[in-house]
Amino acid sequence: MNALCNDDFIFADEDDDSVSPKNQKGIWKVAIIDDEQEIHTVTKMVLGDFTFNDRKIEFLSAYSGAEGRELLEKHDDIAVVLLDVVMEHDHSGLELARYIRESLRNQKIRIVLRTGQPGQAPERDVISQYDINDYKEKTELTARKLYTLMYSCLRSYRDIVALERNRKGLERVIKSSQQIFTEESLEVFAEGVIKQITSLLYTDEDAFFGQIDSLVSHEYKSGIRIVAGTGIFKDCAGKTLDDNLPQDWQDVLNQGGCGIGSIATDNYFMAQLNGKHNQRNLLMLSGIGPKNDLELQMLEIFCQNALIAFDNLQLRNEIEETQRELVYRLGEAVETRSKETGNHVKRVAEISKLLALKVGLSPREAELLKLASPMHDVGKIGIPDAVLNKPAKLDDGEWEIMQSHAEMGHEMLASSDREILKLGGIVSLEHHEKWDGTGYPLGKKGEEITIQGRITAIADVFDALASDRCYKKAWPLEKVFNFFKEQSGRHFDPHLVELMFENLDEINAIRARYKDDYVDEVAE
């Protein structure tokens, strides 16, 4: 094992093809695991001025298989290990090579076995049975060959690390995309995109310090508006882009022109995509950016995917807005036919959503009820005008006809596969049921009535009593409150009545927002 100990070997004549050191960008860790001190000394001497990709070598030393294990467990970023076969026993190096691959599961490190006793571990057997990258007799390793070996190993290690970073980068793009694509609100979606970009570029978010100025914008008929932002754009949601974009940002935007693509400068990153109807979707960032080509590629892929999803979400929201408007107009048509204000259905919708949230339904369930509750009286379309608009009290036969509107509305809507219409059918059927079972049409009681039906009943009756109708003037609010106190546990779910009284301020705000000219505000 003394093959490296003569001067002729150490300083064999050769051309100097080493790379002159430049500004260092980190180091390469190389482990020397050998039980002879001379091997460590000579290897460090020969490779002392070695650089690859402008990075020098940091040597780490261990003198036995056991020490080698400790070293490798402590440093998971070692690029190359120069490993002696025979140390404390004949197969110490071979056992350590297997330990690296199987126990530490380190596939990146390049393992070079060096032996002064090739008979102890024949090359053919070792290469076939152990996952190593090279096998050298120590007598082979002149300074030139050691240089060549190091270049080969570090190139291989660099490429494996790059592939691993690409894989992890792709995983992070997919994970980030999955997290934002679950959002249904444009504003929340846009905020999620900005947040995920930070985690995409900074795996450890705690490692990032500083302010990110960013915005996501969409082109509407009225112009390009900011949907969400951070930093200097934090309070700009809903505002026009032209009026709120600083000149330096405007310059970057002008560079991009129109269409698909991205621009990265030292201080800014911008991605843009034209939507299905040629509207511009923009994502702009400052204060954070890609540090290398891989991160730039990751950011471009993520942002383009995000903008495509953003455009699809915008299109879906437009469809939902159209559906919502149709529902309101249908409810208003019924109210107009019964000579009542169309604002009644809007107030019922908003009060229903408020109570749904207060009782613990999810935001999505509350929004669904808001969209469905305006259809609670849709069955009145089938009620004759003479009955529907009779100013006097209905006789028994007329009352029976009027009661049929609940089932009529249910029959019109319940067969639909659409969530909103299906729930509208349930609300239509149940909004005249009573907590004590004396309501119609089915005489359900208590929790046999869906929570949506119970909520709509309170919202509908409250607004009906507090508003002028064709057959009556609005009740004084004190009388309305007393009625609900009397009917709590009889007509209405007592818990919901409690919630109604606890949230009169918010109900008052809703009624003020959709106020009829002749309706007084609700007050406690």
Protein backbone atom coordinates (compact mmCIF):
# COMPACT_ATOMS: atom_id res chain seq x y z
CA MET A 1 0.00 0.00 0.00
CA ASN A 2 3.01 2.29 -0.45
CA ALA A 3 2.63 2.79 -4.19
CA LEU A 4 2.22 6.55 -3.92
CA CYS A 5 5.31 7.07 -1.80
CA ASN A 6 8.04 7.62 -4.38
CA ASP A 7 8.85 11.00 -5.94
CA ASP A 8 8.95 9.64 -9.50
CA PHE A 9 5.33 8.61 -9.18
CA ILE A 10 4.17 11.83 -7.55
CA PHE A 11 5.81 14.15 -10.03
CA ALA A 12 5.67 12.12 -13.26
CA ASP A 13 6.30 14.35 -16.32
CA GLU A 14 3.04 15.45 -17.91
CA ASP A 15 1.40 18.40 -19.62
CA ASP A 16 -0.41 20.72 -17.25
CA ASP A 17 -4.05 20.80 -18.31
CA SER A 18 -5.48 22.08 -15.03
CA VAL A 19 -7.91 24.99 -15.01
CA SER A 20 -6.74 28.21 -13.39
CA PRO A 21 -8.84 29.06 -10.34
CA LYS A 22 -11.42 31.79 -10.87
CA ASN A 23 -13.95 33.27 -8.51
CA GLN A 24 -15.16 30.28 -6.55
CA LYS A 25 -18.81 29.33 -6.51
CA GLY A 26 -18.79 26.86 -3.63
CA ILE A 27 -16.66 23.74 -3.41
CA TRP A 28 -16.66 20.05 -4.32
CA LYS A 29 -16.39 17.73 -1.35
CA VAL A 30 -14.07 14.77 -1.91
CA ALA A 31 -13.67 12.11 0.78
CA ILE A 32 -10.43 10.16 1.13
CA ILE A 33 -11.06 7.00 3.14
CA ASP A 34 -7.80 5.10 3.51
CA ASP A 35 -5.84 3.74 6.45
CA GLU A 36 -2.48 5.17 5.25
CA GLN A 37 -1.64 8.79 5.99
CA GLU A 38 0.68 8.98 2.95
CA ILE A 39 -2.26 8.37 0.63
CA HIS A 40 -4.12 11.33 2.13
CA THR A 41 -1.07 13.58 1.93
CA VAL A 42 -0.15 12.75 -1.65
CA THR A 43 -3.74 12.94 -2.97
CA LYS A 44 -4.22 16.39 -1.41
CA MET A 45 -0.87 17.53 -2.80
CA VAL A 46 -1.64 16.38 -6.36
CA LEU A 47 -5.19 17.81 -6.40
CA GLY A 48 -4.50 20.87 -4.28
CA ASP A 49 -4.90 23.32 -7.16
CA PHE A 50 -7.62 21.35 -8.96
CA THR A 51 -10.75 23.24 -10.01
CA PHE A 52 -13.83 22.18 -11.91
CA ASN A 53 -16.57 24.59 -12.97
CA ASP A 54 -14.75 27.31 -11.02
CA ARG A 55 -15.03 25.33 -7.78
CA LYS A 56 -12.11 23.94 -5.80
CA ILE A 57 -12.00 20.75 -3.77
CA GLU A 58 -12.51 20.44 -0.03
CA PHE A 59 -10.94 17.22 1.21
CA LEU A 60 -12.51 15.17 4.00
CA SER A 61 -10.47 12.39 5.57
CA ALA A 62 -11.27 9.13 7.32
CA TYR A 63 -8.83 6.30 8.19
CA SER A 64 -11.10 3.27 8.59
CA GLY A 65 -14.41 1.89 7.43
CA ALA A 66 -16.03 2.92 10.72
CA GLU A 67 -14.74 6.49 10.45
CA GLY A 68 -15.90 6.54 6.85
CA ARG A 69 -19.45 5.70 7.90
CA GLU A 70 -19.51 8.58 10.37
CA LEU A 71 -18.11 10.96 7.75
CA LEU A 72 -20.65 9.95 5.09
CA GLU A 73 -23.57 10.14 7.52
CA LYS A 74 -22.52 13.68 8.45
CA HIS A 75 -21.96 14.93 4.88
CA ASP A 76 -24.66 13.96 2.38
CA ASP A 77 -23.22 16.29 -0.28
CA ILE A 78 -19.89 14.53 -0.87
CA ALA A 79 -19.28 14.34 -4.61
CA VAL A 80 -16.52 11.71 -4.79
CA VAL A 81 -15.15 9.13 -2.37
CA LEU A 82 -11.69 7.66 -2.96
CA LEU A 83 -12.07 4.44 -1.03
CA ASP A 84 -9.41 1.93 -0.02
CA VAL A 85 -10.51 -1.72 -0.12
CA VAL A 86 -8.37 -3.14 2.69
CA MET A 87 -8.40 -1.21 5.96
CA GLU A 88 -9.27 -2.60 9.40
CA HIS A 89 -10.13 -5.85 7.62
CA ASP A 90 -9.91 -7.22 4.09
CA HIS A 91 -13.34 -6.02 2.87
CA SER A 92 -13.82 -2.77 4.78
CA GLY A 93 -14.03 -0.69 1.61
CA LEU A 94 -16.42 -3.08 -0.14
CA GLU A 95 -18.72 -3.13 2.88
CA LEU A 96 -18.66 0.67 3.04
CA ALA A 97 -19.51 0.92 -0.68
CA ARG A 98 -22.56 -1.28 -0.12
CA TYR A 99 -23.50 0.73 2.97
CA ILE A 100 -23.43 3.98 0.93
CA ARG A 101 -25.82 2.64 -1.72
CA GLU A 102 -28.13 0.45 0.35
CA SER A 103 -28.27 1.98 3.82
CA LEU A 104 -27.61 5.64 3.09
CA ARG A 105 -29.44 5.33 -0.26
CA ASN A 106 -26.96 7.75 -1.76
CA GLN A 107 -26.93 7.22 -5.52
CA LYS A 108 -25.31 10.55 -6.39
CA ILE A 109 -21.88 10.10 -4.83
CA ARG A 110 -19.20 8.70 -7.15
CA ILE A 111 -17.36 5.78 -5.55
CA VAL A 112 -13.81 5.01 -6.72
CA LEU A 113 -12.20 1.96 -5.14
CA ARG A 114 -8.41 2.14 -4.84
CA THR A 115 -6.37 -0.84 -3.79
CA GLY A 116 -2.72 -1.67 -3.39
CA GLN A 117 -3.58 -5.38 -3.15
CA PRO A 118 -5.67 -6.24 -6.23
CA GLY A 119 -5.53 -9.94 -5.41
CA GLN A 120 -7.62 -9.30 -2.30
CA ALA A 121 -10.55 -7.98 -4.41
CA PRO A 122 -10.36 -8.94 -8.11
CA GLU A 123 -11.62 -6.11 -10.35
CA ARG A 124 -14.09 -8.25 -12.33
CA ASP A 125 -15.81 -9.57 -9.21
CA VAL A 126 -15.93 -6.15 -7.50
CA ILE A 127 -17.35 -4.29 -10.52
CA SER A 128 -20.09 -6.86 -11.05
CA GLN A 129 -21.10 -7.26 -7.40
CA TYR A 130 -20.82 -3.70 -6.04
CA ASP A 131 -22.39 -0.46 -7.26
CA ILE A 132 -19.16 1.46 -7.71
CA ASN A 133 -18.09 3.85 -10.46
CA ASP A 134 -14.42 2.96 -10.93
CA TYR A 135 -11.79 0.55 -9.70
CA LYS A 136 -8.12 1.53 -9.68
CA GLU A 137 -4.90 -0.05 -8.55
CA LYS A 138 -2.90 2.55 -6.68
CA THR A 139 0.08 1.95 -8.95
CA GLU A 140 -2.05 3.17 -11.90
CA LEU A 141 -2.76 6.59 -10.48
CA THR A 142 -0.22 9.07 -11.77
CA ALA A 143 -0.99 12.73 -11.15
CA ARG A 144 -2.39 13.01 -14.70
CA LYS A 145 -4.67 10.02 -14.27
CA LEU A 146 -5.84 11.31 -10.90
CA TYR A 147 -6.75 14.59 -12.58
CA THR A 148 -8.59 12.74 -15.37
CA LEU A 149 -10.40 10.58 -12.83
CA MET A 150 -11.51 13.63 -10.87
CA TYR A 151 -12.80 15.45 -13.96
CA SER A 152 -14.77 12.36 -14.99
CA CYS A 153 -16.26 11.80 -11.54
CA LEU A 154 -17.21 15.43 -10.96
CA ARG A 155 -18.80 15.78 -14.39
CA SER A 156 -20.88 12.70 -13.67
CA TYR A 157 -21.80 13.93 -10.19
CA ARG A 158 -22.73 17.39 -11.53
CA ASP A 159 -25.03 15.90 -14.17
CA ILE A 160 -26.70 13.54 -11.70
CA VAL A 161 -27.32 16.44 -9.30
CA ALA A 162 -28.72 18.52 -12.17
CA LEU A 163 -31.09 15.69 -13.13
CA GLU A 164 -32.16 15.32 -9.51
CA ARG A 165 -32.80 19.06 -9.26
CA ASN A 166 -34.84 18.91 -12.45
CA ARG A 167 -36.88 16.05 -11.04
CA LYS A 168 -37.44 17.80 -7.74
CA GLY A 169 -38.18 21.04 -9.57
CA LEU A 170 -40.82 19.28 -11.66
CA GLU A 171 -42.29 17.74 -8.51
CA ARG A 172 -42.45 21.19 -6.89
CA VAL A 173 -44.12 22.65 -9.99
CA ILE A 174 -46.71 19.85 -9.95
CA LYS A 175 -47.25 20.15 -6.19
CA SER A 176 -47.56 23.93 -6.39
CA SER A 177 -49.95 23.64 -9.33
CA GLN A 178 -52.11 21.10 -7.50
CA GLN A 179 -52.41 23.39 -4.49
CA ILE A 180 -53.53 26.44 -6.44
CA PHE A 181 -55.74 24.56 -8.92
CA THR A 182 -58.08 23.53 -6.09
CA GLU A 183 -59.06 27.16 -5.51
CA GLU A 184 -62.38 28.36 -6.90
CA SER A 185 -62.17 32.09 -6.22
CA LEU A 186 -60.16 34.16 -8.70
CA GLU A 187 -58.77 36.30 -5.89
CA VAL A 188 -57.74 33.35 -3.73
CA PHE A 189 -56.33 31.60 -6.80
CA ALA A 190 -54.20 34.62 -7.70
CA GLU A 191 -52.93 34.96 -4.13
CA GLY A 192 -52.10 31.24 -4.14
CA VAL A 193 -50.07 31.58 -7.33
CA ILE A 194 -47.92 34.29 -5.76
CA LYS A 195 -47.41 32.26 -2.58
CA GLN A 196 -46.47 29.11 -4.49
CA ILE A 197 -43.88 30.96 -6.55
CA THR A 198 -42.05 31.80 -3.32
CA SER A 199 -42.05 28.15 -2.22
CA LEU A 200 -41.06 27.08 -5.73
CA LEU A 201 -37.90 29.20 -5.71
CA TYR A 202 -37.20 28.90 -1.98
CA THR A 203 -37.72 25.34 -0.75
CA ASP A 204 -37.22 26.64 2.79
CA GLU A 205 -39.54 29.64 2.90
CA ASP A 206 -37.88 30.79 6.15
CA ALA A 207 -34.70 31.31 4.11
CA PHE A 208 -36.35 34.13 2.17
CA PHE A 209 -36.27 37.60 3.64
CA GLY A 210 -37.59 40.67 1.90
CA GLN A 211 -40.67 42.06 0.25
CA ILE A 212 -42.17 40.61 -2.89
CA ASP A 213 -44.03 43.09 -5.06
CA SER A 214 -46.32 41.12 -7.34
CA LEU A 215 -49.62 41.24 -9.14
CA VAL A 216 -51.96 39.08 -11.18
CA SER A 217 -54.22 40.92 -13.62
CA HIS A 218 -56.97 40.09 -16.10
CA GLU A 219 -58.34 42.00 -19.05
CA TYR A 220 -62.04 42.78 -18.73
CA LYS A 221 -64.22 44.76 -21.13
CA SER A 222 -63.52 47.83 -19.01
CA GLY A 223 -59.74 47.32 -19.24
CA ILE A 224 -56.99 45.37 -17.49
CA ARG A 225 -57.62 45.16 -13.74
CA ILE A 226 -55.49 43.83 -10.90
CA VAL A 227 -57.06 40.72 -9.37
CA ALA A 228 -54.60 40.25 -6.48
CA GLY A 229 -51.25 41.64 -5.37
CA THR A 230 -48.59 41.81 -2.68
CA GLY A 231 -46.17 44.49 -1.54
CA ILE A 232 -46.89 47.80 -3.26
CA PHE A 233 -49.93 46.20 -4.96
CA LYS A 234 -51.41 44.83 -1.74
CA ASP A 235 -54.45 47.13 -1.80
CA CYS A 236 -54.88 47.34 -5.58
CA ALA A 237 -57.34 44.48 -6.19
CA GLY A 238 -60.07 45.65 -8.55
CA LYS A 239 -58.11 48.72 -9.68
CA THR A 240 -57.00 49.37 -13.25
CA LEU A 241 -53.49 48.27 -14.16
CA ASP A 242 -52.57 51.44 -16.09
CA ASP A 243 -53.38 53.72 -13.14
CA ASN A 244 -51.41 51.69 -10.60
CA LEU A 245 -48.33 50.42 -12.44
CA PRO A 246 -45.08 52.32 -11.75
CA GLN A 247 -43.13 53.42 -14.81
CA ASP A 248 -40.34 50.84 -14.41
CA TRP A 249 -42.96 48.08 -14.33
CA GLN A 250 -44.66 49.65 -17.34
CA ASP A 251 -41.35 49.48 -19.23
CA VAL A 252 -41.10 45.73 -18.56
CA LEU A 253 -44.71 45.28 -19.66
CA ASN A 254 -44.03 47.15 -22.88
CA GLN A 255 -41.07 44.86 -23.63
CA GLY A 256 -43.39 41.88 -23.55
CA GLY A 257 -45.81 43.12 -26.19
CA CYS A 258 -48.89 40.92 -26.49
CA GLY A 259 -49.26 37.17 -26.50
CA ILE A 260 -47.71 34.19 -24.73
CA GLY A 261 -44.29 34.41 -23.16
CA SER A 262 -42.17 35.58 -20.27
CA ILE A 263 -39.49 38.15 -19.58
CA ALA A 264 -36.85 37.85 -16.86
CA THR A 265 -34.53 40.70 -15.90
CA ASP A 266 -32.32 41.26 -12.88
CA ASN A 267 -35.21 42.80 -10.96
CA TYR A 268 -38.41 41.63 -12.64
CA PHE A 269 -40.19 38.58 -13.94
CA MET A 270 -43.30 38.75 -16.10
CA ALA A 271 -45.42 36.01 -17.67
CA GLN A 272 -48.38 36.69 -19.90
CA LEU A 273 -50.96 34.67 -21.77
CA ASN A 274 -53.80 35.64 -24.07
CA GLY A 275 -57.03 33.94 -23.06
CA LYS A 276 -59.62 32.18 -25.17
CA HIS A 277 -61.23 35.49 -26.06
CA ASN A 278 -57.88 37.25 -26.54
CA GLN A 279 -57.91 38.87 -23.09
CA ARG A 280 -54.48 39.42 -21.53
CA ASN A 281 -53.65 37.62 -18.31
CA LEU A 282 -50.51 38.94 -16.63
CA LEU A 283 -48.34 37.84 -13.72
CA MET A 284 -45.57 40.23 -12.68
CA LEU A 285 -43.00 39.93 -9.88
CA SER A 286 -40.23 42.01 -8.37
CA GLY A 287 -38.02 41.25 -5.37
CA ILE A 288 -37.77 37.56 -6.13
CA GLY A 289 -36.58 35.74 -9.18
CA PRO A 290 -34.87 32.69 -10.63
CA LYS A 291 -31.23 32.25 -9.65
CA ASN A 292 -30.32 29.97 -12.57
CA ASP A 293 -31.62 28.53 -15.83
CA LEU A 294 -33.36 25.63 -14.07
CA GLU A 295 -35.32 27.92 -11.79
CA LEU A 296 -36.20 30.14 -14.73
CA GLN A 297 -37.53 27.13 -16.63
CA MET A 298 -39.50 25.97 -13.58
CA LEU A 299 -40.95 29.44 -13.11
CA GLU A 300 -41.94 29.75 -16.77
CA ILE A 301 -43.69 26.35 -16.79
CA PHE A 302 -45.50 27.06 -13.53
CA CYS A 303 -46.61 30.55 -14.50
CA GLN A 304 -47.87 29.52 -17.92
CA ASN A 305 -49.83 26.64 -16.36
CA ALA A 306 -51.16 29.00 -13.71
CA LEU A 307 -52.27 31.56 -16.28
CA ILE A 308 -54.02 28.88 -18.37
CA ALA A 309 -55.82 27.69 -15.24
CA PHE A 310 -56.57 31.30 -14.32
CA ASP A 311 -58.16 31.86 -17.73
CA ASN A 312 -60.24 28.68 -17.38
CA LEU A 313 -61.31 29.73 -13.90
CA GLN A 314 -62.27 33.16 -15.20
CA LEU A 315 -64.38 31.54 -17.94
CA ARG A 316 -66.05 29.27 -15.38
CA ASN A 317 -66.75 32.23 -13.12
CA GLU A 318 -68.37 34.06 -16.03
CA ILE A 319 -70.61 31.04 -16.62
CA GLU A 320 -71.48 30.93 -12.93
CA GLU A 321 -72.19 34.67 -12.94
CA THR A 322 -74.54 34.13 -15.88
CA GLN A 323 -76.27 31.31 -14.00
CA ARG A 324 -76.51 33.49 -10.90
CA GLU A 325 -78.05 36.34 -12.87
CA LEU A 326 -80.56 33.99 -14.48
CA VAL A 327 -81.57 32.65 -11.06
CA TYR A 328 -82.06 36.19 -9.72
CA ARG A 329 -84.03 37.21 -12.78
CA LEU A 330 -86.23 34.13 -12.46
CA GLY A 331 -86.89 34.95 -8.82
CA GLU A 332 -87.53 38.58 -9.68
CA ALA A 333 -89.93 37.54 -12.44
CA VAL A 334 -91.98 35.61 -9.87
CA GLU A 335 -91.92 38.54 -7.46
CA THR A 336 -92.89 40.98 -10.21
CA ARG A 337 -95.80 38.75 -11.22
CA SER A 338 -97.01 38.78 -7.63
CA LYS A 339 -96.59 42.58 -7.64
CA GLU A 340 -93.79 42.46 -5.07
CA THR A 341 -90.33 43.94 -5.13
CA GLY A 342 -87.59 42.00 -6.89
CA ASN A 343 -85.18 43.02 -4.13
CA HIS A 344 -86.93 40.55 -1.83
CA VAL A 345 -85.12 37.60 -3.47
CA LYS A 346 -81.75 39.36 -3.20
CA ARG A 347 -82.27 40.04 0.49
CA VAL A 348 -83.40 36.45 1.10
CA ALA A 349 -80.31 35.18 -0.74
CA GLU A 350 -77.86 37.30 1.26
CA ILE A 351 -79.54 36.68 4.63
CA SER A 352 -79.60 32.94 3.88
CA LYS A 353 -75.89 32.95 3.12
CA LEU A 354 -75.15 34.90 6.31
CA LEU A 355 -77.09 32.47 8.52
CA ALA A 356 -75.58 29.48 6.72
CA LEU A 357 -72.08 30.69 7.57
CA LYS A 358 -73.06 31.49 11.16
CA VAL A 359 -74.52 28.02 11.68
CA GLY A 360 -71.32 26.39 10.46
CA LEU A 361 -71.88 25.48 6.82
CA SER A 362 -68.82 25.73 4.60
CA PRO A 363 -68.31 28.81 2.42
CA ARG A 364 -69.14 26.71 -0.63
CA GLU A 365 -72.36 25.39 0.93
CA ALA A 366 -73.32 28.91 1.99
CA GLU A 367 -72.69 30.25 -1.51
CA LEU A 368 -74.76 27.42 -2.99
CA LEU A 369 -77.67 28.30 -0.71
CA LYS A 370 -77.34 31.95 -1.66
CA LEU A 371 -77.76 30.96 -5.31
CA ALA A 372 -80.61 28.51 -4.68
CA SER A 373 -82.74 30.42 -2.16
CA PRO A 374 -84.03 33.03 -4.67
CA MET A 375 -85.97 30.16 -6.25
CA HIS A 376 -87.96 29.39 -3.09
CA ASP A 377 -91.18 30.77 -4.61
CA VAL A 378 -90.60 29.74 -8.23
CA GLY A 379 -93.67 27.49 -8.04
CA LYS A 380 -95.86 30.62 -7.88
CA ILE A 381 -95.47 30.77 -11.66
CA GLY A 382 -98.22 28.14 -11.76
CA ILE A 383 -100.59 29.99 -9.39
CA PRO A 384 -103.45 31.95 -11.07
CA ASP A 385 -103.22 35.73 -10.84
CA ALA A 386 -106.60 35.92 -9.13
CA VAL A 387 -105.23 33.90 -6.24
CA LEU A 388 -101.66 35.14 -6.30
CA ASN A 389 -102.55 38.84 -6.20
CA LYS A 390 -105.81 38.76 -4.25
CA PRO A 391 -105.66 41.68 -1.79
CA ALA A 392 -108.17 40.07 0.61
CA LYS A 393 -107.79 36.95 2.70
CA LEU A 394 -107.83 33.71 0.70
CA ASP A 395 -110.68 31.27 1.21
CA ASP A 396 -109.97 27.61 1.91
CA GLY A 397 -109.97 26.59 -1.74
CA GLU A 398 -107.70 29.46 -2.73
CA TRP A 399 -105.37 28.74 0.17
CA GLU A 400 -105.03 25.14 -0.98
CA ILE A 401 -104.12 26.38 -4.47
CA MET A 402 -101.57 28.82 -3.01
CA GLN A 403 -99.97 26.06 -0.92
CA SER A 404 -99.41 23.98 -4.04
CA HIS A 405 -96.64 26.35 -5.16
CA ALA A 406 -94.16 24.57 -2.87
CA GLU A 407 -94.54 21.19 -4.58
CA MET A 408 -94.86 22.81 -8.00
CA GLY A 409 -91.47 24.53 -7.56
CA HIS A 410 -89.92 21.28 -6.37
CA GLU A 411 -91.22 19.40 -9.42
CA MET A 412 -89.81 22.07 -11.72
CA LEU A 413 -86.31 21.99 -10.26
CA ALA A 414 -85.58 18.72 -8.44
CA SER A 415 -85.05 16.61 -11.56
CA SER A 416 -82.06 18.74 -12.62
CA ASP A 417 -78.53 17.40 -12.24
CA ARG A 418 -77.26 20.90 -11.42
CA GLU A 419 -76.48 21.47 -7.75
CA ILE A 420 -78.03 24.93 -7.66
CA LEU A 421 -81.31 23.87 -9.25
CA LYS A 422 -81.54 20.65 -7.24
CA LEU A 423 -81.07 22.62 -3.99
CA GLY A 424 -83.54 25.20 -5.29
CA GLY A 425 -86.08 22.38 -5.55
CA ILE A 426 -85.45 21.35 -1.93
CA VAL A 427 -85.73 24.93 -0.67
CA SER A 428 -88.96 25.43 -2.66
CA LEU A 429 -90.45 22.30 -1.13
CA GLU A 430 -89.42 22.96 2.48
CA HIS A 431 -89.47 26.70 3.10
CA HIS A 432 -93.07 26.53 4.44
CA GLU A 433 -92.43 23.55 6.72
CA LYS A 434 -92.40 24.32 10.45
CA TRP A 435 -90.18 23.15 13.30
CA ASP A 436 -93.17 21.69 15.19
CA GLY A 437 -94.49 19.79 12.15
CA THR A 438 -97.54 21.98 11.44
CA GLY A 439 -96.25 23.38 8.14
CA TYR A 440 -96.85 22.31 4.55
CA PRO A 441 -96.75 20.49 2.16
CA LEU A 442 -95.34 17.37 3.94
CA GLY A 443 -95.66 18.24 7.61
CA LYS A 444 -91.95 17.66 8.30
CA LYS A 445 -90.67 18.69 11.71
CA GLY A 446 -87.39 19.50 13.46
CA GLU A 447 -84.29 18.25 11.73
CA GLU A 448 -86.37 16.29 9.21
CA ILE A 449 -86.35 19.64 7.44
CA THR A 450 -82.97 20.31 5.81
CA ILE A 451 -80.86 23.07 7.33
CA GLN A 452 -81.16 24.92 4.01
CA GLY A 453 -84.96 24.77 4.18
CA ARG A 454 -84.95 26.00 7.79
CA ILE A 455 -82.59 28.87 6.98
CA THR A 456 -84.58 30.02 3.95
CA ALA A 457 -87.80 29.94 5.98
CA ILE A 458 -86.39 32.44 8.46
CA ALA A 459 -84.86 34.67 5.76
CA ASP A 460 -88.07 34.65 3.71
CA VAL A 461 -90.48 35.32 6.59
CA PHE A 462 -88.28 37.94 8.20
CA ASP A 463 -87.99 39.94 5.00
CA ALA A 464 -91.66 39.43 4.08
CA LEU A 465 -92.88 40.71 7.45
CA ALA A 466 -90.49 43.68 7.47
CA SER A 467 -91.41 44.72 3.90
CA ASP A 468 -94.51 46.08 2.20
CA ARG A 469 -96.40 43.45 0.19
CA CYS A 470 -99.36 43.75 -2.15
CA TYR A 471 -101.65 42.51 0.63
CA LYS A 472 -100.14 44.31 3.65
CA LYS A 473 -97.92 47.08 4.94
CA ALA A 474 -94.58 46.28 6.56
CA TRP A 475 -94.83 45.30 10.21
CA PRO A 476 -93.07 47.51 12.77
CA LEU A 477 -89.74 45.93 13.55
CA GLU A 478 -90.58 45.41 17.21
CA LYS A 479 -93.58 43.36 16.13
CA VAL A 480 -91.38 41.33 13.77
CA PHE A 481 -88.93 40.59 16.59
CA ASN A 482 -91.72 39.58 18.95
CA PHE A 483 -93.18 37.28 16.32
CA PHE A 484 -89.86 35.44 15.96
CA LYS A 485 -89.48 35.14 19.71
CA GLU A 486 -92.98 33.64 19.94
CA GLN A 487 -92.41 31.28 16.99
CA SER A 488 -88.94 30.09 18.06
CA GLY A 489 -89.28 26.32 18.57
CA ARG A 490 -92.71 26.33 16.91
CA HIS A 491 -92.42 27.72 13.39
CA PHE A 492 -88.64 28.19 13.34
CA ASP A 493 -85.48 26.36 14.38
CA PRO A 494 -84.71 27.98 17.79
CA HIS A 495 -80.94 27.90 17.24
CA LEU A 496 -81.29 29.74 13.94
CA VAL A 497 -83.57 32.32 15.58
CA GLU A 498 -80.82 32.94 18.15
CA LEU A 499 -78.29 33.40 15.37
CA MET A 500 -80.62 35.81 13.60
CA PHE A 501 -80.90 38.03 16.68
CA GLU A 502 -77.14 37.84 17.29
CA ASN A 503 -76.45 39.11 13.77
CA LEU A 504 -79.07 41.82 13.30
CA ASP A 505 -76.39 44.38 12.46
CA GLU A 506 -75.28 42.36 9.45
CA ILE A 507 -78.86 41.68 8.44
CA ASN A 508 -79.48 45.41 8.68
CA ALA A 509 -76.53 46.04 6.35
CA ILE A 510 -77.93 43.56 3.82
CA ARG A 511 -81.36 45.19 3.86
CA ALA A 512 -79.79 48.63 3.51
CA ARG A 513 -77.80 47.46 0.49
CA TYR A 514 -80.93 46.12 -1.24
CA LYS A 515 -83.36 48.58 0.24
CA ASP A 516 -86.77 49.34 -1.27
CA ASP A 517 -87.82 52.96 -1.25
CA TYR A 518 -90.55 52.27 1.28
CA VAL A 519 -88.67 49.91 3.62
CA ASP A 520 -87.22 51.11 6.94
CA GLU A 521 -83.84 49.74 7.98
CA VAL A 522 -83.84 46.91 10.46
CA ALA A 523 -82.64 48.01 13.87
CA GLU A 524 -82.28 46.23 17.15
